[in-house]
PDB file of all heavy atoms in Angstrom:
ATOM      1  N   GLU A   1     192.775 -94.169  13.947  1.00  0.00           N
ATOM      2  CA  GLU A   1     194.131 -93.690  13.785  1.00  0.00           C
ATOM      3  C   GLU A   1     195.173 -94.844  13.587  1.00  0.00           C
ATOM      4  O   GLU A   1     196.100 -94.738  12.764  1.00  0.00           O
ATOM      5  CB  GLU A   1     194.570 -92.800  14.955  1.00  0.00           C
ATOM      6  CG  GLU A   1     193.848 -91.494  14.993  1.00  0.00           C
ATOM      7  CD  GLU A   1     194.287 -90.677  16.209  1.00  0.00           C
ATOM      8  OE1 GLU A   1     195.448 -90.898  16.683  1.00  0.00           O
ATOM      9  OE2 GLU A   1     193.538 -89.778  16.588  1.00  0.00           O
ATOM     10  N   GLN A   2     195.028 -95.894  14.355  1.00  0.00           N
ATOM     11  CA  GLN A   2     196.055 -96.948  14.311  1.00  0.00           C
ATOM     12  C   GLN A   2     195.974 -97.794  13.057  1.00  0.00           C
ATOM     13  O   GLN A   2     196.982 -98.427  12.725  1.00  0.00           O
ATOM     14  CB  GLN A   2     196.000 -97.788  15.589  1.00  0.00           C
ATOM     15  CG  GLN A   2     194.829 -98.727  15.711  1.00  0.00           C
ATOM     16  CD  GLN A   2     193.525 -98.069  16.167  1.00  0.00           C
ATOM     17  OE1 GLN A   2     193.414 -96.861  16.119  1.00  0.00           O
ATOM     18  NE2 GLN A   2     192.554 -98.866  16.527  1.00  0.00           N
ATOM     19  N   THR A   3     194.841 -97.864  12.414  1.00  0.00           N
ATOM     20  CA  THR A   3     194.705 -98.772  11.189  1.00  0.00           C
ATOM     21  C   THR A   3     194.332 -98.005   9.929  1.00  0.00           C
ATOM     22  O   THR A   3     194.373 -98.569   8.859  1.00  0.00           O
ATOM     23  CB  THR A   3     193.639 -99.779  11.462  1.00  0.00           C
ATOM     24  OG1 THR A   3     192.396 -99.159  11.596  1.00  0.00           O
ATOM     25  CG2 THR A   3     193.985-100.720  12.600  1.00  0.00           C
ATOM     26  N   GLU A   4     193.877 -96.747  10.056  1.00  0.00           N
ATOM     27  CA  GLU A   4     193.333 -95.974   8.913  1.00  0.00           C
ATOM     28  C   GLU A   4     192.085 -96.509   8.347  1.00  0.00           C
ATOM     29  O   GLU A   4     191.646 -96.144   7.340  1.00  0.00           O
ATOM     30  CB  GLU A   4     194.444 -95.807   7.838  1.00  0.00           C
ATOM     31  CG  GLU A   4     195.662 -94.968   8.262  1.00  0.00           C
ATOM     32  CD  GLU A   4     195.251 -93.532   8.567  1.00  0.00           C
ATOM     33  OE1 GLU A   4     194.556 -92.930   7.789  1.00  0.00           O
ATOM     34  OE2 GLU A   4     195.674 -93.059   9.702  1.00  0.00           O
ATOM     35  N   LYS A   5     191.476 -97.470   9.057  1.00  0.00           N
ATOM     36  CA  LYS A   5     190.200 -98.061   8.621  1.00  0.00           C
ATOM     37  C   LYS A   5     189.101 -97.081   8.915  1.00  0.00           C
ATOM     38  O   LYS A   5     189.042 -96.425   9.964  1.00  0.00           O
ATOM     39  CB  LYS A   5     189.950 -99.355   9.339  1.00  0.00           C
ATOM     40  CG  LYS A   5     188.617-100.041   8.885  1.00  0.00           C
ATOM     41  CD  LYS A   5     188.408-101.350   9.611  1.00  0.00           C
ATOM     42  CE  LYS A   5     188.955-102.467   8.815  1.00  0.00           C
ATOM     43  NZ  LYS A   5     188.655-103.777   9.416  1.00  0.00           N
ATOM     44  N   GLU A   6     188.145 -96.887   7.937  1.00  0.00           N
ATOM     45  CA  GLU A   6     187.077 -95.975   8.139  1.00  0.00           C
ATOM     46  C   GLU A   6     185.826 -96.735   8.585  1.00  0.00           C
ATOM     47  O   GLU A   6     185.488 -97.768   8.035  1.00  0.00           O
ATOM     48  CB  GLU A   6     186.779 -95.250   6.813  1.00  0.00           C
ATOM     49  CG  GLU A   6     185.769 -94.113   6.972  1.00  0.00           C
ATOM     50  CD  GLU A   6     185.719 -93.262   5.776  1.00  0.00           C
ATOM     51  OE1 GLU A   6     185.335 -93.796   4.691  1.00  0.00           O
ATOM     52  OE2 GLU A   6     185.952 -92.066   5.888  1.00  0.00           O
ATOM     53  N   TYR A   7     185.156 -96.201   9.641  1.00  0.00           N
ATOM     54  CA  TYR A   7     183.956 -96.724  10.160  1.00  0.00           C
ATOM     55  C   TYR A   7     182.816 -95.734  10.020  1.00  0.00           C
ATOM     56  O   TYR A   7     183.015 -94.536   9.972  1.00  0.00           O
ATOM     57  CB  TYR A   7     184.067 -97.095  11.618  1.00  0.00           C
ATOM     58  CG  TYR A   7     185.042 -98.170  11.934  1.00  0.00           C
ATOM     59  CD1 TYR A   7     186.376 -97.883  12.283  1.00  0.00           C
ATOM     60  CD2 TYR A   7     184.658 -99.517  11.849  1.00  0.00           C
ATOM     61  CE1 TYR A   7     187.269 -98.944  12.591  1.00  0.00           C
ATOM     62  CE2 TYR A   7     185.568-100.548  12.116  1.00  0.00           C
ATOM     63  CZ  TYR A   7     186.874-100.236  12.460  1.00  0.00           C
ATOM     64  OH  TYR A   7     187.760-101.254  12.756  1.00  0.00           O
ATOM     65  N   GLU A   8     181.615 -96.250   9.907  1.00  0.00           N
ATOM     66  CA  GLU A   8     180.436 -95.407   9.858  1.00  0.00           C
ATOM     67  C   GLU A   8     179.830 -95.504  11.269  1.00  0.00           C
ATOM     68  O   GLU A   8     179.558 -96.591  11.780  1.00  0.00           O
ATOM     69  CB  GLU A   8     179.425 -95.842   8.844  1.00  0.00           C
ATOM     70  CG  GLU A   8     179.901 -95.561   7.419  1.00  0.00           C
ATOM     71  CD  GLU A   8     178.848 -95.888   6.399  1.00  0.00           C
ATOM     72  OE1 GLU A   8     177.784 -96.501   6.733  1.00  0.00           O
ATOM     73  OE2 GLU A   8     179.074 -95.484   5.235  1.00  0.00           O
ATOM     74  N   ILE A   9     179.632 -94.377  11.857  1.00  0.00           N
ATOM     75  CA  ILE A   9     179.081 -94.250  13.266  1.00  0.00           C
ATOM     76  C   ILE A   9     177.712 -93.665  13.131  1.00  0.00           C
ATOM     77  O   ILE A   9     177.508 -92.596  12.567  1.00  0.00           O
ATOM     78  CB  ILE A   9     179.945 -93.377  14.160  1.00  0.00           C
ATOM     79  CG1 ILE A   9     181.422 -93.816  14.091  1.00  0.00           C
ATOM     80  CG2 ILE A   9     179.430 -93.385  15.571  1.00  0.00           C
ATOM     81  CD1 ILE A   9     181.721 -95.246  14.538  1.00  0.00           C
ATOM     82  N   ARG A  10     176.750 -94.406  13.616  1.00  0.00           N
ATOM     83  CA  ARG A  10     175.345 -93.922  13.581  1.00  0.00           C
ATOM     84  C   ARG A  10     174.924 -93.649  15.034  1.00  0.00           C
ATOM     85  O   ARG A  10     175.203 -94.480  15.890  1.00  0.00           O
ATOM     86  CB  ARG A  10     174.458 -94.994  12.963  1.00  0.00           C
ATOM     87  CG  ARG A  10     174.807 -95.266  11.564  1.00  0.00           C
ATOM     88  CD  ARG A  10     174.125 -96.560  11.065  1.00  0.00           C
ATOM     89  NE  ARG A  10     174.366 -96.814   9.690  1.00  0.00           N
ATOM     90  CZ  ARG A  10     175.290 -97.645   9.203  1.00  0.00           C
ATOM     91  NH1 ARG A  10     176.056 -98.332  10.007  1.00  0.00           N
ATOM     92  NH2 ARG A  10     175.455 -97.865   7.867  1.00  0.00           N
ATOM     93  N   VAL A  11     174.297 -92.500  15.223  1.00  0.00           N
ATOM     94  CA  VAL A  11     173.873 -92.112  16.583  1.00  0.00           C
ATOM     95  C   VAL A  11     172.442 -91.739  16.588  1.00  0.00           C
ATOM     96  O   VAL A  11     171.989 -90.994  15.713  1.00  0.00           O
ATOM     97  CB  VAL A  11     174.773 -90.945  17.053  1.00  0.00           C
ATOM     98  CG1 VAL A  11     174.289 -90.494  18.490  1.00  0.00           C
ATOM     99  CG2 VAL A  11     176.205 -91.216  17.049  1.00  0.00           C
ATOM    100  N   TRP A  12     171.742 -92.238  17.548  1.00  0.00           N
ATOM    101  CA  TRP A  12     170.290 -91.865  17.759  1.00  0.00           C
ATOM    102  C   TRP A  12     170.207 -91.324  19.146  1.00  0.00           C
ATOM    103  O   TRP A  12     170.658 -91.904  20.123  1.00  0.00           O
ATOM    104  CB  TRP A  12     169.359 -93.055  17.605  1.00  0.00           C
ATOM    105  CG  TRP A  12     167.904 -92.680  17.870  1.00  0.00           C
ATOM    106  CD1 TRP A  12     167.081 -92.044  17.011  1.00  0.00           C
ATOM    107  CD2 TRP A  12     167.160 -92.999  19.007  1.00  0.00           C
ATOM    108  NE1 TRP A  12     165.813 -91.902  17.597  1.00  0.00           N
ATOM    109  CE2 TRP A  12     165.857 -92.509  18.838  1.00  0.00           C
ATOM    110  CE3 TRP A  12     167.462 -93.655  20.204  1.00  0.00           C
ATOM    111  CZ2 TRP A  12     164.865 -92.584  19.763  1.00  0.00           C
ATOM    112  CZ3 TRP A  12     166.442 -93.759  21.182  1.00  0.00           C
ATOM    113  CH2 TRP A  12     165.145 -93.264  20.952  1.00  0.00           C
ATOM    114  N   VAL A  13     169.488 -90.181  19.250  1.00  0.00           N
ATOM    115  CA  VAL A  13     169.260 -89.533  20.588  1.00  0.00           C
ATOM    116  C   VAL A  13     167.778 -89.403  20.752  1.00  0.00           C
ATOM    117  O   VAL A  13     167.033 -88.942  19.910  1.00  0.00           O
ATOM    118  CB  VAL A  13     169.917 -88.141  20.570  1.00  0.00           C
ATOM    119  CG1 VAL A  13     169.609 -87.442  21.897  1.00  0.00           C
ATOM    120  CG2 VAL A  13     171.379 -88.187  20.313  1.00  0.00           C
ATOM    121  N   PRO A  14     167.245 -89.874  21.920  1.00  0.00           N
ATOM    122  CA  PRO A  14     165.825 -89.804  22.162  1.00  0.00           C
ATOM    123  C   PRO A  14     165.285 -88.413  22.109  1.00  0.00           C
ATOM    124  O   PRO A  14     166.048 -87.415  22.348  1.00  0.00           O
ATOM    125  CB  PRO A  14     165.673 -90.346  23.622  1.00  0.00           C
ATOM    126  CG  PRO A  14     166.928 -91.136  23.822  1.00  0.00           C
ATOM    127  CD  PRO A  14     168.006 -90.502  23.004  1.00  0.00           C
ATOM    128  N   GLU A  15     163.991 -88.208  21.788  1.00  0.00           N
ATOM    129  CA  GLU A  15     163.354 -86.915  21.661  1.00  0.00           C
ATOM    130  C   GLU A  15     163.071 -86.291  23.012  1.00  0.00           C
ATOM    131  O   GLU A  15     162.995 -85.110  23.189  1.00  0.00           O
ATOM    132  CB  GLU A  15     162.100 -87.016  20.862  1.00  0.00           C
ATOM    133  CG  GLU A  15     162.304 -87.375  19.401  1.00  0.00           C
ATOM    134  CD  GLU A  15     161.042 -87.498  18.652  1.00  0.00           C
ATOM    135  OE1 GLU A  15     159.942 -87.156  19.183  1.00  0.00           O
ATOM    136  OE2 GLU A  15     161.130 -87.865  17.478  1.00  0.00           O
ATOM    137  N   SER A  16     162.897 -87.127  24.059  1.00  0.00           N
ATOM    138  CA  SER A  16     162.534 -86.660  25.388  1.00  0.00           C
ATOM    139  C   SER A  16     163.729 -85.939  26.033  1.00  0.00           C
ATOM    140  O   SER A  16     164.869 -86.146  25.651  1.00  0.00           O
ATOM    141  CB  SER A  16     162.049 -87.840  26.288  1.00  0.00           C
ATOM    142  OG  SER A  16     163.177 -88.736  26.386  1.00  0.00           O
ATOM    143  N   ALA A  17     163.387 -85.091  26.984  1.00  0.00           N
ATOM    144  CA  ALA A  17     164.476 -84.364  27.717  1.00  0.00           C
ATOM    145  C   ALA A  17     165.311 -85.373  28.538  1.00  0.00           C
ATOM    146  O   ALA A  17     164.786 -86.298  29.102  1.00  0.00           O
ATOM    147  CB  ALA A  17     163.814 -83.347  28.702  1.00  0.00           C
ATOM    148  N   PRO A  18     166.611 -85.209  28.435  1.00  0.00           N
ATOM    149  CA  PRO A  18     167.470 -86.155  29.165  1.00  0.00           C
ATOM    150  C   PRO A  18     167.350 -86.012  30.675  1.00  0.00           C
ATOM    151  O   PRO A  18     167.079 -84.913  31.174  1.00  0.00           O
ATOM    152  CB  PRO A  18     168.911 -85.743  28.714  1.00  0.00           C
ATOM    153  CG  PRO A  18     168.784 -84.297  28.325  1.00  0.00           C
ATOM    154  CD  PRO A  18     167.359 -84.148  27.817  1.00  0.00           C
ATOM    155  N   PRO A  19     167.592 -87.079  31.406  1.00  0.00           N
ATOM    156  CA  PRO A  19     167.579 -86.994  32.867  1.00  0.00           C
ATOM    157  C   PRO A  19     168.794 -86.108  33.319  1.00  0.00           C
ATOM    158  O   PRO A  19     169.705 -85.886  32.546  1.00  0.00           O
ATOM    159  CB  PRO A  19     167.760 -88.429  33.349  1.00  0.00           C
ATOM    160  CG  PRO A  19     168.340 -89.154  32.172  1.00  0.00           C
ATOM    161  CD  PRO A  19     167.893 -88.425  30.891  1.00  0.00           C
ATOM    162  N   ALA A  20     168.780 -85.683  34.548  1.00  0.00           N
ATOM    163  CA  ALA A  20     169.808 -84.794  35.082  1.00  0.00           C
ATOM    164  C   ALA A  20     171.198 -85.446  34.916  1.00  0.00           C
ATOM    165  O   ALA A  20     172.199 -84.711  34.658  1.00  0.00           O
ATOM    166  CB  ALA A  20     169.564 -84.477  36.508  1.00  0.00           C
ATOM    167  N   SER A  21     171.306 -86.710  35.028  1.00  0.00           N
ATOM    168  CA  SER A  21     172.553 -87.439  34.881  1.00  0.00           C
ATOM    169  C   SER A  21     172.948 -87.657  33.438  1.00  0.00           C
ATOM    170  O   SER A  21     173.997 -88.227  33.194  1.00  0.00           O
ATOM    171  CB  SER A  21     172.532 -88.739  35.663  1.00  0.00           C
ATOM    172  OG  SER A  21     171.529 -89.571  35.147  1.00  0.00           O
ATOM    173  N   GLY A  22     172.089 -87.337  32.511  1.00  0.00           N
ATOM    174  CA  GLY A  22     172.313 -87.620  31.132  1.00  0.00           C
ATOM    175  C   GLY A  22     171.756 -88.991  30.683  1.00  0.00           C
ATOM    176  O   GLY A  22     171.454 -89.825  31.569  1.00  0.00           O
ATOM    177  N   TYR A  23     171.605 -89.239  29.417  1.00  0.00           N
ATOM    178  CA  TYR A  23     171.122 -90.510  28.933  1.00  0.00           C
ATOM    179  C   TYR A  23     172.138 -91.569  29.110  1.00  0.00           C
ATOM    180  O   TYR A  23     173.314 -91.330  28.967  1.00  0.00           O
ATOM    181  CB  TYR A  23     170.803 -90.421  27.459  1.00  0.00           C
ATOM    182  CG  TYR A  23     169.616 -89.555  27.003  1.00  0.00           C
ATOM    183  CD1 TYR A  23     169.863 -88.446  26.219  1.00  0.00           C
ATOM    184  CD2 TYR A  23     168.350 -89.925  27.404  1.00  0.00           C
ATOM    185  CE1 TYR A  23     168.833 -87.697  25.732  1.00  0.00           C
ATOM    186  CE2 TYR A  23     167.313 -89.130  26.914  1.00  0.00           C
ATOM    187  CZ  TYR A  23     167.506 -88.009  26.139  1.00  0.00           C
ATOM    188  OH  TYR A  23     166.462 -87.286  25.706  1.00  0.00           O
ATOM    189  N   PRO A  24     171.763 -92.781  29.415  1.00  0.00           N
ATOM    190  CA  PRO A  24     172.675 -93.893  29.275  1.00  0.00           C
ATOM    191  C   PRO A  24     173.004 -94.093  27.780  1.00  0.00           C
ATOM    192  O   PRO A  24     172.221 -93.637  26.924  1.00  0.00           O
ATOM    193  CB  PRO A  24     171.940 -95.100  29.858  1.00  0.00           C
ATOM    194  CG  PRO A  24     170.556 -94.707  29.953  1.00  0.00           C
ATOM    195  CD  PRO A  24     170.494 -93.177  29.904  1.00  0.00           C
ATOM    196  N   VAL A  25     174.106 -94.723  27.446  1.00  0.00           N
ATOM    197  CA  VAL A  25     174.509 -94.930  26.075  1.00  0.00           C
ATOM    198  C   VAL A  25     174.655 -96.420  25.851  1.00  0.00           C
ATOM    199  O   VAL A  25     175.343 -97.099  26.660  1.00  0.00           O
ATOM    200  CB  VAL A  25     175.811 -94.190  25.759  1.00  0.00           C
ATOM    201  CG1 VAL A  25     176.163 -94.460  24.270  1.00  0.00           C
ATOM    202  CG2 VAL A  25     175.697 -92.712  25.978  1.00  0.00           C
ATOM    203  N   ILE A  26     174.110 -96.909  24.797  1.00  0.00           N
ATOM    204  CA  ILE A  26     174.270 -98.279  24.367  1.00  0.00           C
ATOM    205  C   ILE A  26     175.077 -98.334  23.070  1.00  0.00           C
ATOM    206  O   ILE A  26     174.705 -97.651  22.091  1.00  0.00           O
ATOM    207  CB  ILE A  26     172.942 -98.988  24.056  1.00  0.00           C
ATOM    208  CG1 ILE A  26     172.080 -99.009  25.397  1.00  0.00           C
ATOM    209  CG2 ILE A  26     173.101-100.394  23.525  1.00  0.00           C
ATOM    210  CD1 ILE A  26     170.637 -99.497  25.193  1.00  0.00           C
ATOM    211  N   TYR A  27     176.209 -98.940  23.096  1.00  0.00           N
ATOM    212  CA  TYR A  27     177.116 -99.092  21.939  1.00  0.00           C
ATOM    213  C   TYR A  27     176.835-100.478  21.327  1.00  0.00           C
ATOM    214  O   TYR A  27     176.735-101.454  22.034  1.00  0.00           O
ATOM    215  CB  TYR A  27     178.579 -99.006  22.335  1.00  0.00           C
ATOM    216  CG  TYR A  27     178.975 -97.621  22.833  1.00  0.00           C
ATOM    217  CD1 TYR A  27     178.806 -97.280  24.189  1.00  0.00           C
ATOM    218  CD2 TYR A  27     179.356 -96.627  21.944  1.00  0.00           C
ATOM    219  CE1 TYR A  27     179.163 -96.041  24.614  1.00  0.00           C
ATOM    220  CE2 TYR A  27     179.708 -95.358  22.381  1.00  0.00           C
ATOM    221  CZ  TYR A  27     179.556 -95.080  23.721  1.00  0.00           C
ATOM    222  OH  TYR A  27     179.884 -93.820  24.151  1.00  0.00           O
ATOM    223  N   LEU A  28     176.723-100.549  20.022  1.00  0.00           N
ATOM    224  CA  LEU A  28     176.542-101.800  19.349  1.00  0.00           C
ATOM    225  C   LEU A  28     177.378-101.917  18.078  1.00  0.00           C
ATOM    226  O   LEU A  28     177.707-100.954  17.422  1.00  0.00           O
ATOM    227  CB  LEU A  28     175.039-102.046  19.046  1.00  0.00           C
ATOM    228  CG  LEU A  28     174.305-101.094  18.112  1.00  0.00           C
ATOM    229  CD1 LEU A  28     174.216-101.748  16.729  1.00  0.00           C
ATOM    230  CD2 LEU A  28     172.959-100.787  18.717  1.00  0.00           C
ATOM    231  N   LEU A  29     177.777-103.149  17.811  1.00  0.00           N
ATOM    232  CA  LEU A  29     178.503-103.495  16.573  1.00  0.00           C
ATOM    233  C   LEU A  29     177.498-103.928  15.555  1.00  0.00           C
ATOM    234  O   LEU A  29     176.311-104.100  15.873  1.00  0.00           O
ATOM    235  CB  LEU A  29     179.566-104.533  16.874  1.00  0.00           C
ATOM    236  CG  LEU A  29     180.607-104.174  17.887  1.00  0.00           C
ATOM    237  CD1 LEU A  29     181.503-105.365  18.232  1.00  0.00           C
ATOM    238  CD2 LEU A  29     181.417-102.966  17.482  1.00  0.00           C
ATOM    239  N   ASP A  30     177.960-104.195  14.371  1.00  0.00           N
ATOM    240  CA  ASP A  30     177.114-104.618  13.285  1.00  0.00           C
ATOM    241  C   ASP A  30     175.975-103.647  13.009  1.00  0.00           C
ATOM    242  O   ASP A  30     174.854-104.003  12.683  1.00  0.00           O
ATOM    243  CB  ASP A  30     176.504-106.026  13.523  1.00  0.00           C
ATOM    244  CG  ASP A  30     177.485-107.158  13.169  1.00  0.00           C
ATOM    245  OD1 ASP A  30     178.374-106.853  12.252  1.00  0.00           O
ATOM    246  OD2 ASP A  30     177.317-108.254  13.657  1.00  0.00           O
ATOM    247  N   ALA A  31     176.292-102.364  13.068  1.00  0.00           N
ATOM    248  CA  ALA A  31     175.229-101.305  12.861  1.00  0.00           C
ATOM    249  C   ALA A  31     174.652-101.429  11.446  1.00  0.00           C
ATOM    250  O   ALA A  31     173.541-101.057  11.289  1.00  0.00           O
ATOM    251  CB  ALA A  31     175.846 -99.938  13.095  1.00  0.00           C
ATOM    252  N   ASN A  32     175.403-101.908  10.493  1.00  0.00           N
ATOM    253  CA  ASN A  32     174.844-102.037   9.155  1.00  0.00           C
ATOM    254  C   ASN A  32     173.579-102.873   9.180  1.00  0.00           C
ATOM    255  O   ASN A  32     172.641-102.696   8.438  1.00  0.00           O
ATOM    256  CB  ASN A  32     175.865-102.713   8.197  1.00  0.00           C
ATOM    257  CG  ASN A  32     177.051-101.878   7.914  1.00  0.00           C
ATOM    258  OD1 ASN A  32     177.687-101.369   8.863  1.00  0.00           O
ATOM    259  ND2 ASN A  32     177.390-101.700   6.665  1.00  0.00           N
ATOM    260  N   ALA A  33     173.584-103.889  10.068  1.00  0.00           N
ATOM    261  CA  ALA A  33     172.459-104.845  10.134  1.00  0.00           C
ATOM    262  C   ALA A  33     171.450-104.560  11.186  1.00  0.00           C
ATOM    263  O   ALA A  33     170.234-104.801  10.975  1.00  0.00           O
ATOM    264  CB  ALA A  33     172.969-106.261  10.345  1.00  0.00           C
ATOM    265  N   VAL A  34     171.840-104.017  12.315  1.00  0.00           N
ATOM    266  CA  VAL A  34     170.903-103.951  13.448  1.00  0.00           C
ATOM    267  C   VAL A  34     170.621-102.539  13.961  1.00  0.00           C
ATOM    268  O   VAL A  34     169.776-102.376  14.902  1.00  0.00           O
ATOM    269  CB  VAL A  34     171.377-104.865  14.623  1.00  0.00           C
ATOM    270  CG1 VAL A  34     171.494-106.318  14.168  1.00  0.00           C
ATOM    271  CG2 VAL A  34     172.728-104.354  15.188  1.00  0.00           C
ATOM    272  N   PHE A  35     171.241-101.553  13.509  1.00  0.00           N
ATOM    273  CA  PHE A  35     170.997-100.209  14.095  1.00  0.00           C
ATOM    274  C   PHE A  35     169.538 -99.712  14.048  1.00  0.00           C
ATOM    275  O   PHE A  35     168.976 -99.347  14.997  1.00  0.00           O
ATOM    276  CB  PHE A  35     171.896 -99.133  13.364  1.00  0.00           C
ATOM    277  CG  PHE A  35     171.738 -97.748  13.959  1.00  0.00           C
ATOM    278  CD1 PHE A  35     172.348 -97.391  15.165  1.00  0.00           C
ATOM    279  CD2 PHE A  35     171.034 -96.732  13.299  1.00  0.00           C
ATOM    280  CE1 PHE A  35     172.179 -96.141  15.703  1.00  0.00           C
ATOM    281  CE2 PHE A  35     170.895 -95.534  13.768  1.00  0.00           C
ATOM    282  CZ  PHE A  35     171.428 -95.190  14.993  1.00  0.00           C
ATOM    283  N   GLY A  36     168.951 -99.863  12.873  1.00  0.00           N
ATOM    284  CA  GLY A  36     167.576 -99.518  12.716  1.00  0.00           C
ATOM    285  C   GLY A  36     166.646-100.243  13.635  1.00  0.00           C
ATOM    286  O   GLY A  36     165.714 -99.645  14.252  1.00  0.00           O
ATOM    287  N   THR A  37     166.839-101.511  13.766  1.00  0.00           N
ATOM    288  CA  THR A  37     165.968-102.370  14.602  1.00  0.00           C
ATOM    289  C   THR A  37     166.196-101.908  16.082  1.00  0.00           C
ATOM    290  O   THR A  37     165.162-101.754  16.841  1.00  0.00           O
ATOM    291  CB  THR A  37     166.376-103.837  14.468  1.00  0.00           C
ATOM    292  OG1 THR A  37     166.192-104.193  13.108  1.00  0.00           O
ATOM    293  CG2 THR A  37     165.530-104.726  15.389  1.00  0.00           C
ATOM    294  N   MET A  38     167.425-101.672  16.482  1.00  0.00           N
ATOM    295  CA  MET A  38     167.635-101.266  17.865  1.00  0.00           C
ATOM    296  C   MET A  38     167.035 -99.912  18.164  1.00  0.00           C
ATOM    297  O   MET A  38     166.493 -99.692  19.203  1.00  0.00           O
ATOM    298  CB  MET A  38     169.162-101.235  18.135  1.00  0.00           C
ATOM    299  CG  MET A  38     169.554-100.886  19.539  1.00  0.00           C
ATOM    300  SD  MET A  38     169.043-102.193  20.643  1.00  0.00           S
ATOM    301  CE  MET A  38     169.815-101.679  22.160  1.00  0.00           C
ATOM    302  N   VAL A  39     167.127 -98.964  17.237  1.00  0.00           N
ATOM    303  CA  VAL A  39     166.542 -97.642  17.440  1.00  0.00           C
ATOM    304  C   VAL A  39     165.011 -97.715  17.605  1.00  0.00           C
ATOM    305  O   VAL A  39     164.485 -97.156  18.508  1.00  0.00           O
ATOM    306  CB  VAL A  39     166.919 -96.699  16.244  1.00  0.00           C
ATOM    307  CG1 VAL A  39     166.083 -95.408  16.307  1.00  0.00           C
ATOM    308  CG2 VAL A  39     168.402 -96.298  16.376  1.00  0.00           C
ATOM    309  N   GLU A  40     164.398 -98.477  16.689  1.00  0.00           N
ATOM    310  CA  GLU A  40     162.982 -98.573  16.803  1.00  0.00           C
ATOM    311  C   GLU A  40     162.536 -99.310  18.055  1.00  0.00           C
ATOM    312  O   GLU A  40     161.537 -98.918  18.693  1.00  0.00           O
ATOM    313  CB  GLU A  40     162.374 -99.297  15.589  1.00  0.00           C
ATOM    314  CG  GLU A  40     162.311 -98.376  14.371  1.00  0.00           C
ATOM    315  CD  GLU A  40     161.468 -97.083  14.643  1.00  0.00           C
ATOM    316  OE1 GLU A  40     160.281 -97.170  14.901  1.00  0.00           O
ATOM    317  OE2 GLU A  40     162.084 -96.004  14.645  1.00  0.00           O
ATOM    318  N   ALA A  41     163.220-100.303  18.484  1.00  0.00           N
ATOM    319  CA  ALA A  41     162.879-101.039  19.701  1.00  0.00           C
ATOM    320  C   ALA A  41     163.059-100.033  20.930  1.00  0.00           C
ATOM    321  O   ALA A  41     162.147-100.004  21.789  1.00  0.00           O
ATOM    322  CB  ALA A  41     163.780-102.244  19.936  1.00  0.00           C
TER     323      ALA A  41
END
């Protein structure tokens, strides 16, 4: 909102059932370069 810059947000959710407290979330920058690697790891 403050800059009108558009970002691409990529989200991966594990296939397993989430724990009662919910999944932890890892946020990362440079998703263009590292999102696929992080998801597979």
